[in-house]
């Protein structure tokens, strides 16, 4: 099961990523744009996810994904770290969120991160 330090290490391994404390929690940003947070007691992460896709994720795997009430109007989904299979799944989720926030120049410079499953 991935833990908070795994989230930090994997997120910071993605190109042009930095960590910044905001709202009293670690947030991870690519080129200054937030793509992941490590909220509350660090047992979950919040990541970017298009609204139309997150509903499907929550319905398919409610033990893994959920939508926090205060994030319902935004394109974010929560992921329970304990429900992840391994670090590879964590990396796929973080890389997908990174892709949604990264500017085109970074996507072009890192084609291996440009499409799902390419990480």
PDB file of N, CA and C in Angstrom:
ATOM      1  N   UNK A   1       0.836  -1.184   0.000  1.00  0.00           N
ATOM      2  CA  UNK A   1       0.000   0.000   0.000  1.00  0.00           C
ATOM      3  C   UNK A   1       0.878   1.244   0.000  1.00  0.00           C
ATOM      4  N   UNK A   2       0.695   2.119  -0.972  1.00  0.00           N
ATOM      5  CA  UNK A   2       1.462   3.371  -0.986  1.00  0.00           C
ATOM      6  C   UNK A   2       1.108   4.253   0.212  1.00  0.00           C
ATOM      7  N   UNK A   3       2.092   5.015   0.658  1.00  0.00           N
ATOM      8  CA  UNK A   3       1.902   5.913   1.790  1.00  0.00           C
ATOM      9  C   UNK A   3       2.235   7.332   1.363  1.00  0.00           C
ATOM     10  N   UNK A   4       2.107   8.280   2.281  1.00  0.00           N
ATOM     11  CA  UNK A   4       2.324   9.697   1.979  1.00  0.00           C
ATOM     12  C   UNK A   4       3.704   9.952   1.376  1.00  0.00           C
ATOM     13  N   UNK A   5       4.723   9.318   1.891  1.00  0.00           N
ATOM     14  CA  UNK A   5       6.074   9.538   1.347  1.00  0.00           C
ATOM     15  C   UNK A   5       6.200   9.007  -0.073  1.00  0.00           C
ATOM     16  N   UNK A   6       5.467   7.942  -0.393  1.00  0.00           N
ATOM     17  CA  UNK A   6       5.453   7.435  -1.771  1.00  0.00           C
ATOM     18  C   UNK A   6       4.783   8.455  -2.697  1.00  0.00           C
ATOM     19  N   UNK A   7       3.692   9.054  -2.230  1.00  0.00           N
ATOM     20  CA  UNK A   7       3.015  10.087  -3.019  1.00  0.00           C
ATOM     21  C   UNK A   7       3.993  11.221  -3.313  1.00  0.00           C
ATOM     22  N   UNK A   8       4.666  11.685  -2.287  1.00  0.00           N
ATOM     23  CA  UNK A   8       5.623  12.793  -2.426  1.00  0.00           C
ATOM     24  C   UNK A   8       6.723  12.424  -3.423  1.00  0.00           C
ATOM     25  N   UNK A   9       7.318  11.258  -3.262  1.00  0.00           N
ATOM     26  CA  UNK A   9       8.427  10.834  -4.113  1.00  0.00           C
ATOM     27  C   UNK A   9       7.985  10.692  -5.569  1.00  0.00           C
ATOM     28  N   UNK A  10       6.848  10.037  -5.792  1.00  0.00           N
ATOM     29  CA  UNK A  10       6.366   9.824  -7.162  1.00  0.00           C
ATOM     30  C   UNK A  10       5.961  11.155  -7.790  1.00  0.00           C
ATOM     31  N   UNK A  11       5.229  11.982  -7.057  1.00  0.00           N
ATOM     32  CA  UNK A  11       4.799  13.270  -7.610  1.00  0.00           C
ATOM     33  C   UNK A  11       6.003  14.126  -7.986  1.00  0.00           C
ATOM     34  N   UNK A  12       6.980  14.187  -7.099  1.00  0.00           N
ATOM     35  CA  UNK A  12       8.147  15.029  -7.359  1.00  0.00           C
ATOM     36  C   UNK A  12       9.058  14.460  -8.447  1.00  0.00           C
ATOM     37  N   UNK A  13       8.867  13.197  -8.822  1.00  0.00           N
ATOM     38  CA  UNK A  13       9.656  12.617  -9.908  1.00  0.00           C
ATOM     39  C   UNK A  13       9.116  13.028 -11.278  1.00  0.00           C
ATOM     40  N   UNK A  14       7.908  13.565 -11.317  1.00  0.00           N
ATOM     41  CA  UNK A  14       7.324  14.011 -12.583  1.00  0.00           C
ATOM     42  C   UNK A  14       7.946  15.347 -12.982  1.00  0.00           C
ATOM     43  N   UNK A  15       8.146  15.584 -14.272  1.00  0.00           N
ATOM     44  CA  UNK A  15       8.862  16.782 -14.730  1.00  0.00           C
ATOM     45  C   UNK A  15       8.256  18.096 -14.235  1.00  0.00           C
ATOM     46  N   UNK A  16       9.135  19.001 -13.842  1.00  0.00           N
ATOM     47  CA  UNK A  16       8.790  20.375 -13.455  1.00  0.00           C
ATOM     48  C   UNK A  16       7.766  20.422 -12.323  1.00  0.00           C
ATOM     49  N   UNK A  17       7.829  19.441 -11.423  1.00  0.00           N
ATOM     50  CA  UNK A  17       6.906  19.396 -10.301  1.00  0.00           C
ATOM     51  C   UNK A  17       7.556  19.968  -9.058  1.00  0.00           C
ATOM     52  N   UNK A  18       6.757  20.714  -8.303  1.00  0.00           N
ATOM     53  CA  UNK A  18       7.215  21.258  -7.030  1.00  0.00           C
ATOM     54  C   UNK A  18       6.155  20.992  -5.974  1.00  0.00           C
ATOM     55  N   UNK A  19       6.581  21.067  -4.721  1.00  0.00           N
ATOM     56  CA  UNK A  19       5.673  20.892  -3.598  1.00  0.00           C
ATOM     57  C   UNK A  19       5.515  22.226  -2.891  1.00  0.00           C
ATOM     58  N   UNK A  20       4.286  22.536  -2.515  1.00  0.00           N
ATOM     59  CA  UNK A  20       3.996  23.782  -1.803  1.00  0.00           C
ATOM     60  C   UNK A  20       2.907  23.504  -0.777  1.00  0.00           C
ATOM     61  N   UNK A  21       3.077  24.038   0.418  1.00  0.00           N
ATOM     62  CA  UNK A  21       2.034  23.906   1.433  1.00  0.00           C
ATOM     63  C   UNK A  21       0.957  24.946   1.147  1.00  0.00           C
ATOM     64  N   UNK A  22      -0.278  24.497   1.046  1.00  0.00           N
ATOM     65  CA  UNK A  22      -1.432  25.371   0.862  1.00  0.00           C
ATOM     66  C   UNK A  22      -2.589  24.760   1.649  1.00  0.00           C
ATOM     67  N   UNK A  23      -3.388  25.583   2.280  1.00  0.00           N
ATOM     68  CA  UNK A  23      -4.486  25.096   3.118  1.00  0.00           C
ATOM     69  C   UNK A  23      -3.981  24.094   4.158  1.00  0.00           C
ATOM     70  N   UNK A  24      -2.776  24.322   4.659  1.00  0.00           N
ATOM     71  CA  UNK A  24      -2.145  23.480   5.690  1.00  0.00           C
ATOM     72  C   UNK A  24      -1.885  22.053   5.241  1.00  0.00           C
ATOM     73  N   UNK A  25      -1.742  21.833   3.935  1.00  0.00           N
ATOM     74  CA  UNK A  25      -1.438  20.486   3.435  1.00  0.00           C
ATOM     75  C   UNK A  25      -0.472  20.581   2.265  1.00  0.00           C
ATOM     76  N   UNK A  26       0.260  19.496   2.012  1.00  0.00           N
ATOM     77  CA  UNK A  26       1.135  19.478   0.837  1.00  0.00           C
ATOM     78  C   UNK A  26       0.315  19.473  -0.449  1.00  0.00           C
ATOM     79  N   UNK A  27       0.727  20.303  -1.392  1.00  0.00           N
ATOM     80  CA  UNK A  27       0.138  20.289  -2.731  1.00  0.00           C
ATOM     81  C   UNK A  27       1.280  20.120  -3.727  1.00  0.00           C
ATOM     82  N   UNK A  28       0.979  19.516  -4.859  1.00  0.00           N
ATOM     83  CA  UNK A  28       1.983  19.263  -5.887  1.00  0.00           C
ATOM     84  C   UNK A  28       1.543  19.974  -7.158  1.00  0.00           C
ATOM     85  N   UNK A  29       2.495  20.687  -7.770  1.00  0.00           N
ATOM     86  CA  UNK A  29       2.191  21.543  -8.911  1.00  0.00           C
ATOM     87  C   UNK A  29       3.162  21.291 -10.051  1.00  0.00           C
ATOM     88  N   UNK A  30       2.640  21.383 -11.255  1.00  0.00           N
ATOM     89  CA  UNK A  30       3.472  21.311 -12.445  1.00  0.00           C
ATOM     90  C   UNK A  30       3.417  22.685 -13.096  1.00  0.00           C
ATOM     91  N   UNK A  31       4.581  23.272 -13.301  1.00  0.00           N
ATOM     92  CA  UNK A  31       4.677  24.621 -13.868  1.00  0.00           C
ATOM     93  C   UNK A  31       3.755  25.577 -13.109  1.00  0.00           C
ATOM     94  N   UNK A  32       3.657  25.388 -11.795  1.00  0.00           N
ATOM     95  CA  UNK A  32       2.867  26.258 -10.945  1.00  0.00           C
ATOM     96  C   UNK A  32       1.393  25.915 -10.840  1.00  0.00           C
ATOM     97  N   UNK A  33       0.914  24.936 -11.586  1.00  0.00           N
ATOM     98  CA  UNK A  33      -0.510  24.573 -11.593  1.00  0.00           C
ATOM     99  C   UNK A  33      -0.723  23.292 -10.784  1.00  0.00           C
ATOM    100  N   UNK A  34      -1.606  23.358  -9.798  1.00  0.00           N
ATOM    101  CA  UNK A  34      -1.812  22.227  -8.885  1.00  0.00           C
ATOM    102  C   UNK A  34      -2.425  21.023  -9.601  1.00  0.00           C
ATOM    103  N   UNK A  35      -1.843  19.833  -9.312  1.00  0.00           N
ATOM    104  CA  UNK A  35      -2.399  18.593  -9.872  1.00  0.00           C
ATOM    105  C   UNK A  35      -2.664  17.533  -8.815  1.00  0.00           C
ATOM    106  N   UNK A  36      -2.194  17.721  -7.584  1.00  0.00           N
ATOM    107  CA  UNK A  36      -2.463  16.745  -6.524  1.00  0.00           C
ATOM    108  C   UNK A  36      -2.304  17.408  -5.164  1.00  0.00           C
ATOM    109  N   UNK A  37      -3.084  16.906  -4.206  1.00  0.00           N
ATOM    110  CA  UNK A  37      -2.937  17.337  -2.814  1.00  0.00           C
ATOM    111  C   UNK A  37      -2.914  16.097  -1.933  1.00  0.00           C
ATOM    112  N   UNK A  38      -2.363  16.278  -0.756  1.00  0.00           N
ATOM    113  CA  UNK A  38      -2.283  15.200   0.231  1.00  0.00           C
ATOM    114  C   UNK A  38      -3.035  15.688   1.474  1.00  0.00           C
ATOM    115  N   UNK A  39      -4.382  15.614   1.444  1.00  0.00           N
ATOM    116  CA  UNK A  39      -5.184  16.229   2.499  1.00  0.00           C
ATOM    117  C   UNK A  39      -5.253  15.447   3.806  1.00  0.00           C
ATOM    118  N   UNK A  40      -5.815  16.173   4.795  1.00  0.00           N
ATOM    119  CA  UNK A  40      -6.137  15.634   6.104  1.00  0.00           C
ATOM    120  C   UNK A  40      -5.042  14.781   6.715  1.00  0.00           C
ATOM    121  N   UNK A  41      -5.361  13.548   6.981  1.00  0.00           N
ATOM    122  CA  UNK A  41      -4.423  12.675   7.698  1.00  0.00           C
ATOM    123  C   UNK A  41      -3.504  11.898   6.762  1.00  0.00           C
ATOM    124  N   UNK A  42      -3.415  12.345   5.516  1.00  0.00           N
ATOM    125  CA  UNK A  42      -2.515  11.756   4.521  1.00  0.00           C
ATOM    126  C   UNK A  42      -2.819  10.290   4.215  1.00  0.00           C
ATOM    127  N   UNK A  43      -4.104   9.917   4.281  1.00  0.00           N
ATOM    128  CA  UNK A  43      -4.511   8.562   3.907  1.00  0.00           C
ATOM    129  C   UNK A  43      -5.133   8.537   2.511  1.00  0.00           C
ATOM    130  N   UNK A  44      -5.248   9.724   1.910  1.00  0.00           N
ATOM    131  CA  UNK A  44      -5.818   9.828   0.568  1.00  0.00           C
ATOM    132  C   UNK A  44      -5.094  10.931  -0.187  1.00  0.00           C
ATOM    133  N   UNK A  45      -5.349  10.982  -1.489  1.00  0.00           N
ATOM    134  CA  UNK A  45      -4.876  12.098  -2.306  1.00  0.00           C
ATOM    135  C   UNK A  45      -6.070  12.638  -3.070  1.00  0.00           C
ATOM    136  N   UNK A  46      -5.980  13.890  -3.448  1.00  0.00           N
ATOM    137  CA  UNK A  46      -6.955  14.491  -4.351  1.00  0.00           C
ATOM    138  C   UNK A  46      -6.217  14.777  -5.655  1.00  0.00           C
ATOM    139  N   UNK A  47      -6.815  14.377  -6.770  1.00  0.00           N
ATOM    140  CA  UNK A  47      -6.192  14.549  -8.084  1.00  0.00           C
ATOM    141  C   UNK A  47      -7.208  15.104  -9.073  1.00  0.00           C
ATOM    142  N   UNK A  48      -6.692  15.728 -10.125  1.00  0.00           N
ATOM    143  CA  UNK A  48      -7.555  16.235 -11.184  1.00  0.00           C
ATOM    144  C   UNK A  48      -8.222  15.056 -11.898  1.00  0.00           C
ATOM    145  N   UNK A  49      -9.486  15.245 -12.234  1.00  0.00           N
ATOM    146  CA  UNK A  49     -10.215  14.221 -12.973  1.00  0.00           C
ATOM    147  C   UNK A  49     -11.413  14.889 -13.626  1.00  0.00           C
ATOM    148  N   UNK A  50     -11.560  14.787 -14.942  1.00  0.00           N
ATOM    149  CA  UNK A  50     -12.737  15.378 -15.580  1.00  0.00           C
ATOM    150  C   UNK A  50     -14.023  14.885 -14.918  1.00  0.00           C
ATOM    151  N   UNK A  51     -14.962  15.798 -14.720  1.00  0.00           N
ATOM    152  CA  UNK A  51     -16.202  15.453 -14.012  1.00  0.00           C
ATOM    153  C   UNK A  51     -16.902  14.246 -14.608  1.00  0.00           C
ATOM    154  N   UNK A  52     -16.945  14.157 -15.943  1.00  0.00           N
ATOM    155  CA  UNK A  52     -17.651  13.035 -16.573  1.00  0.00           C
ATOM    156  C   UNK A  52     -16.959  11.699 -16.309  1.00  0.00           C
ATOM    157  N   UNK A  53     -15.642  11.710 -16.091  1.00  0.00           N
ATOM    158  CA  UNK A  53     -14.918  10.472 -15.807  1.00  0.00           C
ATOM    159  C   UNK A  53     -14.973  10.095 -14.333  1.00  0.00           C
ATOM    160  N   UNK A  54     -14.975  11.086 -13.460  1.00  0.00           N
ATOM    161  CA  UNK A  54     -14.914  10.768 -12.029  1.00  0.00           C
ATOM    162  C   UNK A  54     -16.176  10.073 -11.550  1.00  0.00           C
ATOM    163  N   UNK A  55     -17.322  10.402 -12.125  1.00  0.00           N
ATOM    164  CA  UNK A  55     -18.567   9.727 -11.742  1.00  0.00           C
ATOM    165  C   UNK A  55     -18.450   8.229 -12.027  1.00  0.00           C
ATOM    166  N   UNK A  56     -17.876   7.903 -13.188  1.00  0.00           N
ATOM    167  CA  UNK A  56     -17.686   6.497 -13.555  1.00  0.00           C
ATOM    168  C   UNK A  56     -16.717   5.803 -12.606  1.00  0.00           C
ATOM    169  N   UNK A  57     -15.625   6.493 -12.243  1.00  0.00           N
ATOM    170  CA  UNK A  57     -14.653   5.916 -11.310  1.00  0.00           C
ATOM    171  C   UNK A  57     -15.296   5.602  -9.969  1.00  0.00           C
ATOM    172  N   UNK A  58     -16.052   6.565  -9.450  1.00  0.00           N
ATOM    173  CA  UNK A  58     -16.689   6.392  -8.140  1.00  0.00           C
ATOM    174  C   UNK A  58     -17.698   5.242  -8.181  1.00  0.00           C
ATOM    175  N   UNK A  59     -18.471   5.162  -9.253  1.00  0.00           N
ATOM    176  CA  UNK A  59     -19.439   4.070  -9.372  1.00  0.00           C
ATOM    177  C   UNK A  59     -18.753   2.718  -9.520  1.00  0.00           C
ATOM    178  N   UNK A  60     -17.674   2.670 -10.277  1.00  0.00           N
ATOM    179  CA  UNK A  60     -16.970   1.415 -10.533  1.00  0.00           C
ATOM    180  C   UNK A  60     -16.185   0.924  -9.318  1.00  0.00           C
ATOM    181  N   UNK A  61     -15.563   1.869  -8.580  1.00  0.00           N
ATOM    182  CA  UNK A  61     -14.715   1.485  -7.454  1.00  0.00           C
ATOM    183  C   UNK A  61     -14.924   2.439  -6.265  1.00  0.00           C
ATOM    184  N   UNK A  62     -16.093   2.359  -5.619  1.00  0.00           N
ATOM    185  CA  UNK A  62     -16.392   3.293  -4.528  1.00  0.00           C
ATOM    186  C   UNK A  62     -15.481   3.125  -3.311  1.00  0.00           C
ATOM    187  N   UNK A  63     -14.843   1.992  -3.170  1.00  0.00           N
ATOM    188  CA  UNK A  63     -13.901   1.797  -2.071  1.00  0.00           C
ATOM    189  C   UNK A  63     -12.565   2.484  -2.322  1.00  0.00           C
ATOM    190  N   UNK A  64     -12.324   2.861  -3.558  1.00  0.00           N
ATOM    191  CA  UNK A  64     -11.061   3.499  -3.932  1.00  0.00           C
ATOM    192  C   UNK A  64     -11.244   4.994  -4.191  1.00  0.00           C
ATOM    193  N   UNK A  65     -12.318   5.375  -4.881  1.00  0.00           N
ATOM    194  CA  UNK A  65     -12.531   6.762  -5.292  1.00  0.00           C
ATOM    195  C   UNK A  65     -13.769   7.346  -4.640  1.00  0.00           C
ATOM    196  N   UNK A  66     -13.725   8.640  -4.330  1.00  0.00           N
ATOM    197  CA  UNK A  66     -14.907   9.359  -3.870  1.00  0.00           C
ATOM    198  C   UNK A  66     -14.729  10.836  -4.127  1.00  0.00           C
ATOM    199  N   UNK A  67     -15.832  11.551  -4.037  1.00  0.00           N
ATOM    200  CA  UNK A  67     -15.818  12.993  -4.277  1.00  0.00           C
ATOM    201  C   UNK A  67     -16.097  13.687  -2.951  1.00  0.00           C
ATOM    202  N   UNK A  68     -15.161  14.506  -2.517  1.00  0.00           N
ATOM    203  CA  UNK A  68     -15.352  15.284  -1.286  1.00  0.00           C
ATOM    204  C   UNK A  68     -16.395  16.363  -1.555  1.00  0.00           C
ATOM    205  N   UNK A  69     -17.270  16.601  -0.579  1.00  0.00           N
ATOM    206  CA  UNK A  69     -18.357  17.571  -0.759  1.00  0.00           C
ATOM    207  C   UNK A  69     -17.859  18.928  -1.241  1.00  0.00           C
ATOM    208  N   UNK A  70     -16.792  19.425  -0.633  1.00  0.00           N
ATOM    209  CA  UNK A  70     -16.307  20.764  -0.989  1.00  0.00           C
ATOM    210  C   UNK A  70     -15.591  20.811  -2.352  1.00  0.00           C
ATOM    211  N   UNK A  71     -15.376  19.658  -2.959  1.00  0.00           N
ATOM    212  CA  UNK A  71     -14.745  19.597  -4.276  1.00  0.00           C
ATOM    213  C   UNK A  71     -15.726  19.191  -5.373  1.00  0.00           C
ATOM    214  N   UNK A  72     -16.988  19.013  -5.025  1.00  0.00           N
ATOM    215  CA  UNK A  72     -17.975  18.491  -5.975  1.00  0.00           C
ATOM    216  C   UNK A  72     -18.119  19.345  -7.227  1.00  0.00           C
ATOM    217  N   UNK A  73     -17.982  20.653  -7.097  1.00  0.00           N
ATOM    218  CA  UNK A  73     -18.150  21.517  -8.266  1.00  0.00           C
ATOM    219  C   UNK A  73     -16.884  21.617  -9.113  1.00  0.00           C
ATOM    220  N   UNK A  74     -15.791  21.038  -8.632  1.00  0.00           N
ATOM    221  CA  UNK A  74     -14.518  21.097  -9.347  1.00  0.00           C
ATOM    222  C   UNK A  74     -14.178  19.736  -9.958  1.00  0.00           C
ATOM    223  N   UNK A  75     -13.257  19.719 -10.883  1.00  0.00           N
ATOM    224  CA  UNK A  75     -12.847  18.485 -11.570  1.00  0.00           C
ATOM    225  C   UNK A  75     -11.737  17.785 -10.780  1.00  0.00           C
ATOM    226  N   UNK A  76     -12.088  17.318  -9.570  1.00  0.00           N
ATOM    227  CA  UNK A  76     -11.154  16.615  -8.697  1.00  0.00           C
ATOM    228  C   UNK A  76     -11.840  15.372  -8.147  1.00  0.00           C
ATOM    229  N   UNK A  77     -11.040  14.361  -7.848  1.00  0.00           N
ATOM    230  CA  UNK A  77     -11.537  13.147  -7.211  1.00  0.00           C
ATOM    231  C   UNK A  77     -10.541  12.751  -6.126  1.00  0.00           C
ATOM    232  N   UNK A  78     -11.030  12.127  -5.079  1.00  0.00           N
ATOM    233  CA  UNK A  78     -10.165  11.615  -4.006  1.00  0.00           C
ATOM    234  C   UNK A  78      -9.869  10.146  -4.247  1.00  0.00           C
ATOM    235  N   UNK A  79      -8.682   9.729  -3.806  1.00  0.00           N
ATOM    236  CA  UNK A  79      -8.237   8.346  -3.962  1.00  0.00           C
ATOM    237  C   UNK A  79      -7.725   7.857  -2.613  1.00  0.00           C
ATOM    238  N   UNK A  80      -8.271   6.761  -2.126  1.00  0.00           N
ATOM    239  CA  UNK A  80      -7.805   6.169  -0.863  1.00  0.00           C
ATOM    240  C   UNK A  80      -6.501   5.410  -1.121  1.00  0.00           C
ATOM    241  N   UNK A  81      -5.439   5.813  -0.439  1.00  0.00           N
ATOM    242  CA  UNK A  81      -4.141   5.160  -0.651  1.00  0.00           C
ATOM    243  C   UNK A  81      -4.203   3.679  -0.295  1.00  0.00           C
ATOM    244  N   UNK A  82      -4.924   3.329   0.743  1.00  0.00           N
ATOM    245  CA  UNK A  82      -4.996   1.924   1.178  1.00  0.00           C
ATOM    246  C   UNK A  82      -5.655   1.031   0.130  1.00  0.00           C
ATOM    247  N   UNK A  83      -6.434   1.617  -0.770  1.00  0.00           N
ATOM    248  CA  UNK A  83      -7.134   0.830  -1.782  1.00  0.00           C
ATOM    249  C   UNK A  83      -6.313   0.624  -3.056  1.00  0.00           C
ATOM    250  N   UNK A  84      -5.180   1.311  -3.158  1.00  0.00           N
ATOM    251  CA  UNK A  84      -4.359   1.162  -4.361  1.00  0.00           C
ATOM    252  C   UNK A  84      -3.613  -0.167  -4.352  1.00  0.00           C
ATOM    253  N   UNK A  85      -3.499  -0.768  -5.528  1.00  0.00           N
ATOM    254  CA  UNK A  85      -2.833  -2.064  -5.645  1.00  0.00           C
ATOM    255  C   UNK A  85      -1.348  -1.981  -5.341  1.00  0.00           C
ATOM    256  N   UNK A  86      -0.690  -0.941  -5.899  1.00  0.00           N
ATOM    257  CA  UNK A  86       0.757  -0.831  -5.737  1.00  0.00           C
ATOM    258  C   UNK A  86       1.212   0.557  -6.155  1.00  0.00           C
ATOM    259  N   UNK A  87       2.508   0.766  -6.114  1.00  0.00           N
ATOM    260  CA  UNK A  87       3.064   2.061  -6.487  1.00  0.00           C
ATOM    261  C   UNK A  87       2.863   2.363  -7.969  1.00  0.00           C
ATOM    262  N   UNK A  88       2.794   1.350  -8.791  1.00  0.00           N
ATOM    263  CA  UNK A  88       2.536   1.555 -10.218  1.00  0.00           C
ATOM    264  C   UNK A  88       1.183   2.203 -10.455  1.00  0.00           C
ATOM    265  N   UNK A  89       0.181   1.765  -9.721  1.00  0.00           N
ATOM    266  CA  UNK A  89      -1.148   2.376  -9.852  1.00  0.00           C
ATOM    267  C   UNK A  89      -1.121   3.816  -9.347  1.00  0.00           C
ATOM    268  N   UNK A  90      -0.418   4.054  -8.260  1.00  0.00           N
ATOM    269  CA  UNK A  90      -0.255   5.419  -7.748  1.00  0.00           C
ATOM    270  C   UNK A  90       0.398   6.293  -8.812  1.00  0.00           C
ATOM    271  N   UNK A  91       1.451   5.792  -9.437  1.00  0.00           N
ATOM    272  CA  UNK A  91       2.154   6.565 -10.468  1.00  0.00           C
ATOM    273  C   UNK A  91       1.232   6.858 -11.649  1.00  0.00           C
ATOM    274  N   UNK A  92       0.444   5.888 -12.072  1.00  0.00           N
ATOM    275  CA  UNK A  92      -0.482   6.097 -13.191  1.00  0.00           C
ATOM    276  C   UNK A  92      -1.496   7.195 -12.859  1.00  0.00           C
ATOM    277  N   UNK A  93      -2.026   7.170 -11.653  1.00  0.00           N
ATOM    278  CA  UNK A  93      -3.020   8.169 -11.237  1.00  0.00           C
ATOM    279  C   UNK A  93      -2.387   9.550 -11.170  1.00  0.00           C
ATOM    280  N   UNK A  94      -1.210   9.647 -10.556  1.00  0.00           N
ATOM    281  CA  UNK A  94      -0.542  10.950 -10.460  1.00  0.00           C
ATOM    282  C   UNK A  94      -0.118  11.464 -11.840  1.00  0.00           C
ATOM    283  N   UNK A  95       0.372  10.579 -12.699  1.00  0.00           N
ATOM    284  CA  UNK A  95       0.790  10.992 -14.041  1.00  0.00           C
ATOM    285  C   UNK A  95      -0.414  11.476 -14.852  1.00  0.00           C
ATOM    286  N   UNK A  96      -1.560  10.835 -14.689  1.00  0.00           N
ATOM    287  CA  UNK A  96      -2.763  11.263 -15.400  1.00  0.00           C
ATOM    288  C   UNK A  96      -3.166  12.669 -14.946  1.00  0.00           C
ATOM    289  N   UNK A  97      -3.125  12.918 -13.659  1.00  0.00           N
ATOM    290  CA  UNK A  97      -3.454  14.239 -13.136  1.00  0.00           C
ATOM    291  C   UNK A  97      -2.428  15.273 -13.602  1.00  0.00           C
ATOM    292  N   UNK A  98      -1.147  14.890 -13.591  1.00  0.00           N
ATOM    293  CA  UNK A  98      -0.068  15.767 -14.064  1.00  0.00           C
ATOM    294  C   UNK A  98      -0.329  16.192 -15.509  1.00  0.00           C
ATOM    295  N   UNK A  99      -0.704  15.215 -16.366  1.00  0.00           N
ATOM    296  CA  UNK A  99      -0.972  15.507 -17.776  1.00  0.00           C
ATOM    297  C   UNK A  99      -2.072  16.558 -17.938  1.00  0.00           C
ATOM    298  N   UNK A 100      -3.068  16.508 -17.054  1.00  0.00           N
ATOM    299  CA  UNK A 100      -4.182  17.453 -17.158  1.00  0.00           C
ATOM    300  C   UNK A 100      -3.779  18.872 -16.777  1.00  0.00           C
ATOM    301  N   UNK A 101      -2.731  19.014 -15.980  1.00  0.00           N
ATOM    302  CA  UNK A 101      -2.298  20.337 -15.526  1.00  0.00           C
ATOM    303  C   UNK A 101      -1.076  20.857 -16.288  1.00  0.00           C
ATOM    304  N   UNK A 102      -0.306  19.970 -16.888  1.00  0.00           N
ATOM    305  CA  UNK A 102       0.949  20.362 -17.537  1.00  0.00           C
ATOM    306  C   UNK A 102       0.702  21.204 -18.783  1.00  0.00           C
ATOM    307  N   UNK A 103       1.557  22.197 -18.994  1.00  0.00           N
ATOM    308  CA  UNK A 103       1.440  22.988 -20.222  1.00  0.00           C
ATOM    309  C   UNK A 103       1.890  22.163 -21.437  1.00  0.00           C
ATOM    310  N   UNK A 104       1.428  22.538 -22.622  1.00  0.00           N
ATOM    311  CA  UNK A 104       1.779  21.785 -23.840  1.00  0.00           C
ATOM    312  C   UNK A 104       3.279  21.586 -24.037  1.00  0.00           C
ATOM    313  N   UNK A 105       4.098  22.564 -23.679  1.00  0.00           N
ATOM    314  CA  UNK A 105       5.548  22.434 -23.872  1.00  0.00           C
ATOM    315  C   UNK A 105       6.101  21.252 -23.085  1.00  0.00           C
ATOM    316  N   UNK A 106       5.569  20.998 -21.875  1.00  0.00           N
ATOM    317  CA  UNK A 106       6.033  19.852 -21.085  1.00  0.00           C
ATOM    318  C   UNK A 106       5.504  18.547 -21.660  1.00  0.00           C
ATOM    319  N   UNK A 107       4.263  18.549 -22.095  1.00  0.00           N
ATOM    320  CA  UNK A 107       3.717  17.334 -22.717  1.00  0.00           C
ATOM    321  C   UNK A 107       4.516  16.976 -23.965  1.00  0.00           C
ATOM    322  N   UNK A 108       4.881  17.990 -24.739  1.00  0.00           N
ATOM    323  CA  UNK A 108       5.688  17.752 -25.942  1.00  0.00           C
ATOM    324  C   UNK A 108       7.095  17.271 -25.603  1.00  0.00           C
ATOM    325  N   UNK A 109       7.657  17.777 -24.508  1.00  0.00           N
ATOM    326  CA  UNK A 109       9.024  17.409 -24.098  1.00  0.00           C
ATOM    327  C   UNK A 109       9.105  16.032 -23.455  1.00  0.00           C
ATOM    328  N   UNK A 110       7.950  15.529 -22.986  1.00  0.00           N
ATOM    329  CA  UNK A 110       7.911  14.236 -22.292  1.00  0.00           C
ATOM    330  C   UNK A 110       6.810  13.360 -22.891  1.00  0.00           C
ATOM    331  N   UNK A 111       6.980  12.929 -24.123  1.00  0.00           N
ATOM    332  CA  UNK A 111       5.936  12.145 -24.775  1.00  0.00           C
ATOM    333  C   UNK A 111       5.590  10.858 -24.035  1.00  0.00           C
ATOM    334  N   UNK A 112       6.524  10.334 -23.263  1.00  0.00           N
ATOM    335  CA  UNK A 112       6.236   9.102 -22.505  1.00  0.00           C
ATOM    336  C   UNK A 112       5.174   9.348 -21.432  1.00  0.00           C
ATOM    337  N   UNK A 113       4.954  10.607 -21.055  1.00  0.00           N
ATOM    338  CA  UNK A 113       3.925  10.954 -20.087  1.00  0.00           C
ATOM    339  C   UNK A 113       2.696  11.552 -20.763  1.00  0.00           C
ATOM    340  N   UNK A 114       2.711  11.645 -22.065  1.00  0.00           N
ATOM    341  CA  UNK A 114       1.649  12.337 -22.794  1.00  0.00           C
ATOM    342  C   UNK A 114       0.356  11.577 -22.949  1.00  0.00           C
ATOM    343  N   UNK A 115       0.397  10.280 -22.841  1.00  0.00           N
ATOM    344  CA  UNK A 115      -0.816   9.478 -23.022  1.00  0.00           C
ATOM    345  C   UNK A 115      -0.951   8.491 -21.863  1.00  0.00           C
ATOM    346  N   UNK A 116      -2.191   8.198 -21.464  1.00  0.00           N
ATOM    347  CA  UNK A 116      -2.384   7.206 -20.391  1.00  0.00           C
ATOM    348  C   UNK A 116      -1.678   5.898 -20.730  1.00  0.00           C
ATOM    349  N   UNK A 117      -1.072   5.324 -19.719  1.00  0.00           N
ATOM    350  CA  UNK A 117      -0.367   4.057 -19.893  1.00  0.00           C
ATOM    351  C   UNK A 117       1.040   4.211 -20.435  1.00  0.00           C
ATOM    352  N   UNK A 118       1.474   5.446 -20.656  1.00  0.00           N
ATOM    353  CA  UNK A 118       2.795   5.674 -21.218  1.00  0.00           C
ATOM    354  C   UNK A 118       3.864   5.933 -20.196  1.00  0.00           C
ATOM    355  N   UNK A 119       3.500   5.918 -18.909  1.00  0.00           N
ATOM    356  CA  UNK A 119       4.474   6.235 -17.870  1.00  0.00           C
ATOM    357  C   UNK A 119       5.331   5.048 -17.508  1.00  0.00           C
TER     358      UNK A 119
END
